[in-house]
C-alpha atoms as a PDB file:
ATOM      1  CA  MET A   1      75.688 117.852 103.700  1.00  0.00           C
ATOM      2  CA  ALA A   2      76.692 117.033 106.761  1.00  0.00           C
ATOM      3  CA  ARG A   3      77.972 114.291 105.707  1.00  0.00           C
ATOM      4  CA  LEU A   4      80.447 115.375 102.928  1.00  0.00           C
ATOM      5  CA  PRO A   5      83.151 115.952 105.707  1.00  0.00           C
ATOM      6  CA  THR A   6      83.403 112.423 106.822  1.00  0.00           C
ATOM      7  CA  LEU A   7      83.279 111.344 102.831  1.00  0.00           C
ATOM      8  CA  TRP A   8      86.417 113.122 102.347  1.00  0.00           C
ATOM      9  CA  ALA A   9      88.266 111.666 105.502  1.00  0.00           C
ATOM     10  CA  THR A  10      87.709 108.167 104.282  1.00  0.00           C
ATOM     11  CA  ARG A  11      88.663 109.196 100.717  1.00  0.00           C
ATOM     12  CA  ALA A  12      91.969 110.768 102.015  1.00  0.00           C
ATOM     13  CA  ARG A  13      92.526 107.459 104.203  1.00  0.00           C
ATOM     14  CA  ASN A  14      91.640 105.210 101.994  1.00  0.00           C
ATOM     15  CA  ARG A  15      94.023 107.204  99.355  1.00  0.00           C
ATOM     16  CA  ARG A  16      96.927 107.268 101.902  1.00  0.00           C
ATOM     17  CA  GLU A  17      96.487 103.725 102.396  1.00  0.00           C
ATOM     18  CA  LEU A  18      96.700 102.593  99.029  1.00  0.00           C
ATOM     19  CA  SER A  19      99.867 104.944  98.423  1.00  0.00           C
ATOM     20  CA  ARG A  20     101.308 102.810 101.477  1.00  0.00           C
ATOM     21  CA  LEU A  21     100.937  99.413  99.197  1.00  0.00           C
ATOM     22  CA  THR A  22     103.603  97.521  98.030  1.00  0.00           C
ATOM     23  CA  ALA A  23     103.961  95.935  94.680  1.00  0.00           C
ATOM     24  CA  GLU A  24     103.933  92.824  96.352  1.00  0.00           C
ATOM     25  CA  GLN A  25     100.660  93.583  98.066  1.00  0.00           C
ATOM     26  CA  MET A  26      98.941  95.102  95.008  1.00  0.00           C
ATOM     27  CA  ARG A  27      99.830  91.617  93.601  1.00  0.00           C
ATOM     28  CA  ASP A  28      99.021  89.566  96.156  1.00  0.00           C
ATOM     29  CA  THR A  29      95.118  91.482  96.039  1.00  0.00           C
ATOM     30  CA  GLY A  30      95.293  92.031  92.430  1.00  0.00           C
ATOM     31  CA  LEU A  31      95.402  95.954  92.308  1.00  0.00           C
ATOM     32  CA  ASP A  32      96.942  97.343  88.922  1.00  0.00           C
ATOM     33  CA  PRO A  33      99.486  99.178  90.205  1.00  0.00           C
ATOM     34  CA  ASP A  34      99.066 102.113  87.838  1.00  0.00           C
ATOM     35  CA  LEU A  35      95.266 102.275  88.947  1.00  0.00           C
ATOM     36  CA  VAL A  36      96.464 102.390  92.270  1.00  0.00           C
ATOM     37  CA  ARG A  37      98.579 105.291  91.504  1.00  0.00           C
ATOM     38  CA  ARG A  38      96.503 107.155  89.412  1.00  0.00           C
ATOM     39  CA  GLU A  39      93.660 106.563  92.293  1.00  0.00           C
ATOM     40  CA  SER A  40      96.255 107.283  95.432  1.00  0.00           C
ATOM     41  CA  ARG A  41      96.979 110.963  93.833  1.00  0.00           C
ATOM     42  CA  LYS A  42      93.683 111.834  93.278  1.00  0.00           C
ATOM     43  CA  PRO A  43      92.669 114.521  95.529  1.00  0.00           C
ATOM     44  CA  PHE A  44      90.159 114.011  98.564  1.00  0.00           C
ATOM     45  CA  TRP A  45      87.046 115.980  96.953  1.00  0.00           C
ATOM     46  CA  ARG A  46      86.931 113.831  93.731  1.00  0.00           C
ATOM     47  CA  ALA A  47      85.485 110.801  93.423  1.00  0.00           C
END
């Protein structure tokens, strides 16, 4: 239970970083822009 706040903070940070990627960065890393958009819009408490 004590790890939950850390997990949520990590998810929030990762999703914030995903939302800042440019289309070029997504192409360079092989990420699907639709998948990135969906993932970055998820609330931090949802896996």
